[in-house]
Protein backbone atom coordinates (compact mmCIF):
# COMPACT_ATOMS: atom_id res chain seq x y z
CA MET A 1 0.00 0.00 0.00
CA ALA A 2 1.34 3.39 -0.96
CA PRO A 3 1.99 5.74 1.92
CA VAL A 4 -0.66 8.39 2.56
CA ALA A 5 0.52 11.88 1.79
CA THR A 6 0.29 14.19 4.77
CA SER A 7 0.98 17.85 5.23
CA THR A 8 1.51 19.95 8.31
CA MET A 9 0.05 23.41 8.56
CA GLN A 10 2.62 25.98 9.53
CA GLN A 11 1.91 27.63 12.85
CA PRO A 12 1.55 31.42 12.63
CA GLU A 13 4.05 33.63 14.37
CA VAL A 14 2.54 35.07 17.53
CA ASP A 15 3.68 38.12 19.46
CA LEU A 16 3.18 36.95 23.03
CA ASN A 17 3.72 40.46 24.35
CA VAL A 18 0.56 41.85 22.75
CA LYS A 19 -2.09 42.60 25.37
CA VAL A 20 -5.75 42.56 24.40
CA LEU A 21 -7.08 45.89 25.62
CA GLU A 22 -10.55 47.36 25.96
CA TYR A 23 -11.39 50.21 23.59
CA LYS A 24 -11.18 52.83 26.35
CA GLU A 25 -7.73 51.56 27.32
CA GLN A 26 -6.53 52.10 23.73
CA LEU A 27 -7.47 55.76 23.45
CA ALA A 28 -4.66 58.07 22.41
CA GLY A 29 -2.17 59.46 24.90
CA PRO A 30 0.80 61.80 24.54
CA ASN A 31 2.90 59.05 22.96
CA THR A 32 0.54 58.64 19.99
CA TYR A 33 -1.10 62.08 19.72
CA ASN A 34 -0.24 63.93 16.50
CA LYS A 35 -0.57 67.58 17.50
CA LYS A 36 0.49 68.93 14.11
CA ALA A 37 -2.05 66.84 12.22
CA GLU A 38 -4.84 68.01 14.52
CA GLU A 39 -3.93 71.68 14.32
CA GLU A 40 -2.99 71.82 10.62
CA GLY A 41 -4.75 68.82 9.08
CA THR A 42 -3.30 66.14 6.82
CA LYS A 43 -3.33 65.56 3.07
CA ASP A 44 -6.67 63.76 3.36
CA GLN A 45 -8.21 65.12 6.58
CA PRO A 46 -9.02 68.74 7.55
CA LYS A 47 -7.73 70.39 10.72
CA ALA A 48 -9.76 70.30 13.92
CA LYS A 49 -12.62 72.82 13.95
CA TYR A 50 -12.11 73.70 17.61
CA PRO A 51 -8.35 73.71 18.27
CA HIS A 52 -8.75 75.28 21.73
CA TYR A 53 -10.54 72.05 22.71
CA LEU A 54 -7.71 69.75 21.61
CA PRO A 55 -6.26 67.50 24.33
CA THR A 56 -3.28 68.31 26.52
CA TRP A 57 -1.68 66.23 29.25
CA ASN A 58 0.00 68.45 31.83
CA PRO A 59 2.19 66.47 34.27
CA ALA A 60 2.16 69.45 36.65
CA GLN A 61 -1.54 68.96 37.31
CA LYS A 62 -1.74 67.09 40.61
CA TYR A 63 -4.80 66.90 42.80
CA PRO A 64 -5.45 65.48 46.28
CA PRO A 65 -7.99 62.70 46.93
CA LEU A 66 -11.59 63.76 46.48
CA GLU A 67 -13.39 64.84 49.64
CA PRO A 68 -17.01 63.88 50.30
CA PHE A 69 -19.62 66.57 49.75
CA THR A 70 -23.37 66.94 50.11
CA HIS A 71 -25.25 66.83 46.83
CA ARG A 72 -28.86 67.89 46.28
CA ASP A 73 -30.22 67.11 42.86
CA HIS A 74 -31.84 70.09 41.16
CA GLY A 75 -34.53 67.84 39.79
CA LEU A 76 -36.05 67.89 43.27
CA ASP A 77 -36.74 71.62 42.86
CA ALA A 78 -38.16 71.44 39.33
CA ASP A 79 -41.69 72.23 38.18
CA PRO A 80 -42.86 68.92 36.63
CA THR A 81 -44.85 70.75 33.96
CA PHE A 82 -41.54 72.13 32.53
CA PRO A 83 -42.78 75.68 31.75
CA ASP A 84 -39.26 77.15 31.56
CA LEU A 85 -37.87 74.32 29.42
CA LEU A 86 -40.55 73.10 27.05
CA SER A 87 -42.03 76.35 25.78
CA SER A 88 -44.37 76.56 22.80
CA SER A 89 -41.37 76.70 20.46
CA ALA A 90 -39.88 73.46 21.78
CA GLN A 91 -40.23 70.24 19.80
CA ILE A 92 -39.69 66.92 21.55
CA GLU A 93 -39.60 63.46 19.99
CA ASP A 94 -39.25 60.33 22.11
CA LEU A 95 -36.91 57.76 20.58
CA THR A 96 -38.29 54.83 22.60
CA PRO A 97 -41.04 54.48 25.21
CA THR A 98 -38.66 54.66 28.20
CA ILE A 99 -35.31 56.11 27.15
CA GLY A 100 -34.14 58.89 24.87
CA SER A 101 -35.75 62.09 23.56
CA VAL A 102 -34.63 64.55 20.89
CA ILE A 103 -35.40 68.21 21.64
CA LYS A 104 -35.30 71.16 19.24
CA GLY A 105 -36.26 74.80 19.56
CA ILE A 106 -34.48 75.80 22.78
CA GLN A 107 -30.97 76.94 23.69
CA LEU A 108 -29.52 75.28 26.78
CA SER A 109 -27.10 78.15 27.32
CA GLU A 110 -30.01 80.61 27.67
CA LEU A 111 -31.97 78.70 30.32
CA ASN A 112 -32.57 80.35 33.68
CA GLU A 113 -32.15 78.41 36.92
CA ALA A 114 -35.72 77.12 36.82
CA GLY A 115 -35.12 75.83 33.30
CA ARG A 116 -31.93 74.09 34.38
CA ASP A 117 -33.79 72.48 37.28
CA GLN A 118 -36.34 71.18 34.78
CA VAL A 119 -33.56 69.85 32.54
CA ALA A 120 -32.29 67.82 35.51
CA LEU A 121 -35.77 66.41 36.14
CA LEU A 122 -36.52 65.58 32.51
CA THR A 123 -33.11 63.95 32.16
CA ALA A 124 -33.85 61.78 35.19
CA GLN A 125 -37.22 60.81 33.73
CA ARG A 126 -36.20 60.22 30.10
CA LYS A 127 -32.62 59.10 30.94
CA VAL A 128 -31.09 60.68 27.79
CA LEU A 129 -31.87 63.98 26.04
CA ALA A 130 -30.35 65.00 22.70
CA PHE A 131 -30.58 68.77 22.15
CA ARG A 132 -30.10 69.82 18.53
CA ASN A 133 -28.81 73.10 17.03
CA GLN A 134 -27.04 74.27 20.17
CA ASN A 135 -24.38 77.00 20.44
CA PHE A 136 -22.62 75.16 23.26
CA ALA A 137 -19.42 74.39 21.36
CA ASP A 138 -19.04 78.06 20.43
CA LEU A 139 -19.34 79.33 23.99
CA PRO A 140 -16.18 80.33 25.86
CA ILE A 141 -15.03 77.21 27.68
CA GLU A 142 -15.60 79.00 30.99
CA LYS A 143 -19.30 79.40 30.15
CA ALA A 144 -19.69 75.71 29.32
CA VAL A 145 -17.97 74.80 32.58
CA GLU A 146 -20.24 77.20 34.48
CA PHE A 147 -23.32 75.55 32.97
CA GLY A 148 -22.11 72.11 34.04
CA ARG A 149 -21.19 73.22 37.56
CA TYR A 150 -24.83 74.08 38.22
CA PHE A 151 -25.61 70.35 38.37
CA GLY A 152 -22.88 69.35 40.83
CA ARG A 153 -19.23 69.49 41.75
CA LEU A 154 -17.22 69.00 38.57
CA HIS A 155 -15.06 65.93 38.34
CA ILE A 156 -11.46 66.16 37.16
CA HIS A 157 -10.50 62.93 35.46
CA HIS A 158 -7.33 61.30 36.71
CA SER A 159 -5.80 60.67 33.29
CA SER A 160 -7.78 61.84 30.25
CA GLY A 161 -6.74 64.64 27.91
CA SER A 162 -8.23 68.07 28.58
CA PRO A 163 -8.11 71.51 26.94
CA GLU A 164 -5.23 73.66 28.10
CA GLY A 165 -6.13 75.21 31.46
CA HIS A 166 -9.47 73.40 31.79
CA PRO A 167 -8.97 70.04 33.55
CA GLU A 168 -12.72 69.85 34.30
CA ILE A 169 -13.31 69.05 30.62
CA HIS A 170 -12.92 65.37 29.75
CA LEU A 171 -12.16 65.01 26.05
CA VAL A 172 -13.43 62.11 23.96
CA HIS A 173 -11.04 62.47 21.07
CA ARG A 174 -10.05 60.24 18.20
CA SER A 175 -7.75 62.15 15.90
CA ALA A 176 -7.51 62.12 12.13
CA ASN A 177 -6.20 58.80 10.78
CA ASP A 178 -6.10 57.33 14.28
CA PRO A 179 -5.71 53.51 14.01
CA THR A 180 -7.59 52.70 17.23
CA ALA A 181 -10.63 51.18 15.53
CA LYS A 182 -8.51 48.88 13.38
CA ASN A 183 -6.43 47.86 16.40
CA VAL A 184 -9.51 47.08 18.48
CA LEU A 185 -11.28 45.14 15.75
CA ALA A 186 -8.11 43.19 15.01
CA GLN A 187 -8.43 41.77 18.53
CA ARG A 188 -12.19 41.79 19.12
CA THR A 189 -15.38 41.11 17.22
CA SER A 190 -17.04 44.26 18.58
CA SER A 191 -15.91 47.67 19.81
CA LEU A 192 -18.80 48.06 22.27
CA VAL A 193 -17.86 48.62 25.92
CA TRP A 194 -20.95 49.30 28.01
CA HIS A 195 -20.24 51.44 31.07
CA SER A 196 -21.34 54.26 33.31
CA ASP A 197 -18.72 56.95 33.83
CA ILE A 198 -16.19 56.94 36.69
CA THR A 199 -18.14 54.51 38.87
CA TYR A 200 -14.91 53.92 40.80
CA GLU A 201 -15.41 57.26 42.57
CA ASN A 202 -17.29 57.36 45.89
CA GLN A 203 -19.67 59.92 44.38
CA PRO A 204 -20.07 59.13 40.67
CA PRO A 205 -21.84 61.51 38.27
CA GLY A 206 -25.52 62.24 37.87
CA THR A 207 -26.67 64.66 35.17
CA SER A 208 -23.84 64.61 32.60
CA ILE A 209 -23.13 66.64 29.46
CA LEU A 210 -21.52 65.66 26.15
CA TYR A 211 -21.14 67.92 23.12
CA ILE A 212 -19.68 67.51 19.66
CA PHE A 213 -17.02 69.38 17.64
CA ASP A 214 -15.99 67.04 14.82
CA LYS A 215 -17.59 63.80 13.71
CA PRO A 216 -17.32 61.24 10.93
CA THR A 217 -19.67 61.71 8.00
CA THR A 218 -21.56 58.65 9.16
CA GLY A 219 -21.03 56.35 12.13
CA GLY A 220 -19.64 57.08 15.56
CA ASP A 221 -23.07 57.03 17.23
CA THR A 222 -23.52 56.59 20.97
CA LEU A 223 -25.75 53.86 22.40
CA PHE A 224 -27.50 54.24 25.75
CA VAL A 225 -29.17 51.57 27.86
CA ASP A 226 -31.93 52.09 30.42
CA GLY A 227 -30.74 50.63 33.73
CA VAL A 228 -34.21 51.00 35.22
CA GLN A 229 -35.83 48.84 32.57
CA ALA A 230 -32.92 46.39 32.78
CA TYR A 231 -33.73 46.00 36.46
CA ARG A 232 -37.50 45.71 35.94
CA ARG A 233 -37.13 43.00 33.29
CA LEU A 234 -35.73 40.65 35.94
CA SER A 235 -38.08 38.40 37.87
CA PRO A 236 -39.29 39.62 41.29
CA ALA A 237 -37.32 36.86 43.04
CA PHE A 238 -34.15 37.81 41.19
CA ARG A 239 -34.62 41.53 41.89
CA GLU A 240 -35.11 40.78 45.55
CA ARG A 241 -31.93 38.68 45.65
CA LEU A 242 -29.87 41.52 44.17
CA HIS A 243 -30.84 43.81 47.03
CA GLY A 244 -28.15 43.91 49.67
CA LEU A 245 -25.40 42.97 47.21
CA SER A 246 -22.50 45.36 46.64
CA ALA A 247 -19.69 45.40 44.10
CA VAL A 248 -16.18 46.82 43.97
CA HIS A 249 -15.47 49.36 41.21
CA SER A 250 -11.90 50.28 40.28
CA GLY A 251 -10.14 52.95 38.21
CA VAL A 252 -6.67 51.55 38.84
CA GLU A 253 -6.46 49.67 35.56
CA GLN A 254 -7.50 52.74 33.56
CA ALA A 255 -4.77 54.83 35.22
CA GLU A 256 -2.15 52.14 34.58
CA ALA A 257 -3.11 52.06 30.89
CA ALA A 258 -2.69 55.85 30.76
CA LYS A 259 0.78 55.60 32.30
CA ALA A 260 1.79 53.02 29.69
CA LYS A 261 0.99 55.54 26.94
CA GLY A 262 2.99 58.33 28.56
CA GLY A 263 -0.11 59.92 30.03
CA VAL A 264 -0.63 61.74 33.28
CA VAL A 265 -2.17 60.61 36.55
CA ARG A 266 -3.51 63.77 38.15
CA ARG A 267 -4.90 61.95 41.17
CA GLU A 268 -4.29 58.47 42.48
CA PRO A 269 -7.07 56.27 41.05
CA GLY A 270 -9.87 55.25 43.33
CA GLN A 271 -11.78 52.13 44.22
CA SER A 272 -15.27 52.18 45.68
CA VAL A 273 -18.00 49.83 46.84
CA HIS A 274 -21.50 50.50 45.48
CA PRO A 275 -24.82 48.65 45.61
CA VAL A 276 -25.62 46.43 42.63
CA VAL A 277 -29.06 48.09 42.55
CA ARG A 278 -29.19 51.82 43.25
CA THR A 279 -32.12 54.15 43.87
CA HIS A 280 -32.55 57.47 42.08
CA PRO A 281 -32.99 60.36 44.54
CA VAL A 282 -35.54 62.23 42.39
CA THR A 283 -37.68 59.58 40.69
CA GLY A 284 -37.25 56.81 43.28
CA GLU A 285 -36.61 54.39 40.41
CA LYS A 286 -34.22 51.50 40.90
CA ALA A 287 -31.56 50.63 38.35
CA LEU A 288 -28.84 48.05 37.84
CA TYR A 289 -25.50 49.65 38.65
CA VAL A 290 -22.71 47.41 37.37
CA ASN A 291 -20.60 47.72 34.24
CA SER A 292 -17.86 45.65 32.63
CA GLN A 293 -15.47 48.60 32.37
CA PHE A 294 -15.07 49.35 36.08
CA THR A 295 -16.92 46.74 38.17
CA ARG A 296 -14.54 44.06 39.46
CA TYR A 297 -16.38 41.66 41.78
CA ILE A 298 -19.36 41.11 44.06
CA VAL A 299 -18.48 41.60 47.71
CA GLY A 300 -18.75 38.38 49.72
CA TYR A 301 -18.97 36.09 46.70
CA LYS A 302 -16.29 33.66 45.60
CA LYS A 303 -14.68 34.45 42.27
CA GLU A 304 -16.64 31.91 40.25
CA GLU A 305 -19.91 33.03 41.84
CA SER A 306 -19.16 36.70 41.26
CA ASP A 307 -18.03 36.14 37.67
CA MET A 308 -21.16 34.17 36.86
CA LEU A 309 -23.55 36.77 38.27
CA LEU A 310 -21.74 39.74 36.74
CA LYS A 311 -21.55 38.08 33.33
CA PHE A 312 -25.29 37.48 33.41
CA LEU A 313 -25.95 41.13 34.31
CA TYR A 314 -23.49 42.45 31.71
CA ASP A 315 -25.05 40.29 28.99
CA HIS A 316 -28.56 41.26 30.09
CA ILE A 317 -27.65 44.94 29.77
CA ALA A 318 -25.75 44.57 26.49
CA PHE A 319 -28.35 42.43 24.72
CA GLY A 320 -31.33 44.55 25.83
CA SER A 321 -31.97 46.24 22.51
CA ASP A 322 -35.60 46.76 23.55
CA PHE A 323 -34.51 49.09 26.37
CA GLN A 324 -31.73 50.91 24.52
CA ALA A 325 -31.59 54.09 22.44
CA ARG A 326 -29.16 55.08 19.69
CA ILE A 327 -28.18 58.74 19.43
CA LYS A 328 -26.90 59.90 16.05
CA TRP A 329 -24.59 62.86 16.35
CA GLU A 330 -25.33 66.04 14.40
CA GLU A 331 -23.35 69.26 14.28
CA GLY A 332 -24.45 71.41 17.23
CA SER A 333 -25.73 68.47 19.29
CA VAL A 334 -25.52 68.39 23.09
CA ILE A 335 -26.50 65.27 25.00
CA LEU A 336 -27.55 65.28 28.64
CA TRP A 337 -27.96 61.93 30.34
CA ASP A 338 -28.29 60.57 33.85
CA ASN A 339 -25.23 58.45 34.59
CA ARG A 340 -26.94 56.96 37.65
CA VAL A 341 -29.56 55.03 35.72
CA THR A 342 -28.00 54.48 32.30
CA GLY A 343 -25.02 52.87 30.64
CA HIS A 344 -23.54 53.87 27.30
CA THR A 345 -20.98 52.91 24.70
CA ALA A 346 -19.44 54.54 21.68
CA VAL A 347 -19.82 52.73 18.36
CA MET A 348 -16.49 52.48 16.52
CA ASP A 349 -17.89 51.58 13.13
CA TRP A 350 -15.98 54.03 10.89
CA ILE A 351 -12.48 53.32 9.68
CA ASN A 352 -11.97 56.07 7.10
CA GLY A 353 -9.71 58.13 9.36
CA GLN A 354 -12.20 60.91 10.06
CA ARG A 355 -11.91 62.74 13.37
CA ARG A 356 -14.35 62.25 16.26
CA HIS A 357 -13.98 64.98 18.87
CA LEU A 358 -16.31 65.59 21.80
CA ALA A 359 -16.16 67.09 25.30
CA ARG A 360 -17.75 65.76 28.48
CA ILE A 361 -18.59 67.79 31.56
CA THR A 362 -19.12 65.49 34.52
CA PRO A 363 -20.92 66.84 37.61
CA GLN A 364 -20.69 64.45 40.53
CA ALA A 365 -23.78 63.45 42.49
CA GLU A 366 -24.66 61.62 45.71
CA ARG A 367 -23.02 58.43 46.87
CA PRO A 368 -25.04 55.51 45.42
CA TYR A 369 -27.53 54.03 47.83
CA ASN A 370 -30.27 51.45 47.76
CA THR A 371 -33.66 51.32 49.45
CA PRO A 372 -35.12 48.04 50.78
CA TYR A 373 -36.94 45.72 48.42
CA ASP A 374 -40.71 46.27 48.61
CA ALA A 375 -42.63 43.56 46.76
CA GLU A 376 -45.94 45.42 46.93
CA ALA A 377 -44.48 48.66 45.60
CA GLU A 378 -42.65 46.87 42.79
CA ALA A 379 -45.80 45.03 41.78
CA LYS A 380 -47.62 48.38 41.60
CA VAL A 381 -44.90 49.82 39.37
CA GLU A 382 -45.29 46.89 36.99
CA SER A 383 -49.08 47.22 37.02
CA ASP A 384 -48.94 50.95 36.29
CA ALA A 385 -46.43 50.41 33.47
CA SER A 386 -48.64 47.87 31.74
CA ALA A 387 -51.86 49.83 32.18
């Protein structure tokens, strides 16, 4: 019998030093930032429209640990009929039944204090508001910062890029011809990283603000998920079991990734313990409060138990397309959302090298807390929702 021909497939060369990073850990730092390209443009990409908002990383910026403070949400003081916000000229369109509304016909920068109170309340109720045709990006940076400070003490991020002299502004910046998307999708099947912002702080944000400068022609949307509906979709027995559970949130890994790219660490990164289910101080609604970006483990659970429960909750949140909203960015858009009861993720679906440049203002809120499980009250909420 003739011998059977065999062949051996050659094993590919593998760089064992390559670390698979999350999208937010791959964002540009000083080592990869091309200042000239952003300020002057390239042969195929224009210069940044708002150069005074381009990122800087100042190693001289050092801040002490955050001190606790008392926060009172302005939504508690708002007129629920919204007379100073939704005037006759305002147009509002709900994107889904529970999360996301697009508003036209008002200028956020011109609202009085009563109008800002009503913005806080409507944001808590609708979770995400997209205001179109705003002049926010054209305001002096000090005015934008002043608007944000109304909603709470402004957070200074420990490592992100910020405009020169304005560390309260957190920049979401992907420069022209930045390879981040290709790098991420070379390692992962999806760029989505669902999270709530800076949950590793003892007092994470509430009403938060994001506004656009440059965007790709198409793509680069932001997805939001309703943490209240994510909680309510669980069975009563499961919801009850989640009460009393707490999880550790950490910003250490994010700071270490920044150091590796030559970035700054303005403040030593924090770790905090928060309830898995938190209660909103204005609406009284309960929401899931875990995210794969910063949540590390369930307190009191063994690793396998914690991993199993967190994976279920992460998947439940990520796959819940029927309680999510997609915001398409337009020039002049400003998004307000409530970080306490939502998660979000950027969509890195454009690879043509176009710039995506936004700024976030991040007012901190109360320390997350939970109220006891009340079966009768929860049953009433479900009954009212289905009526």
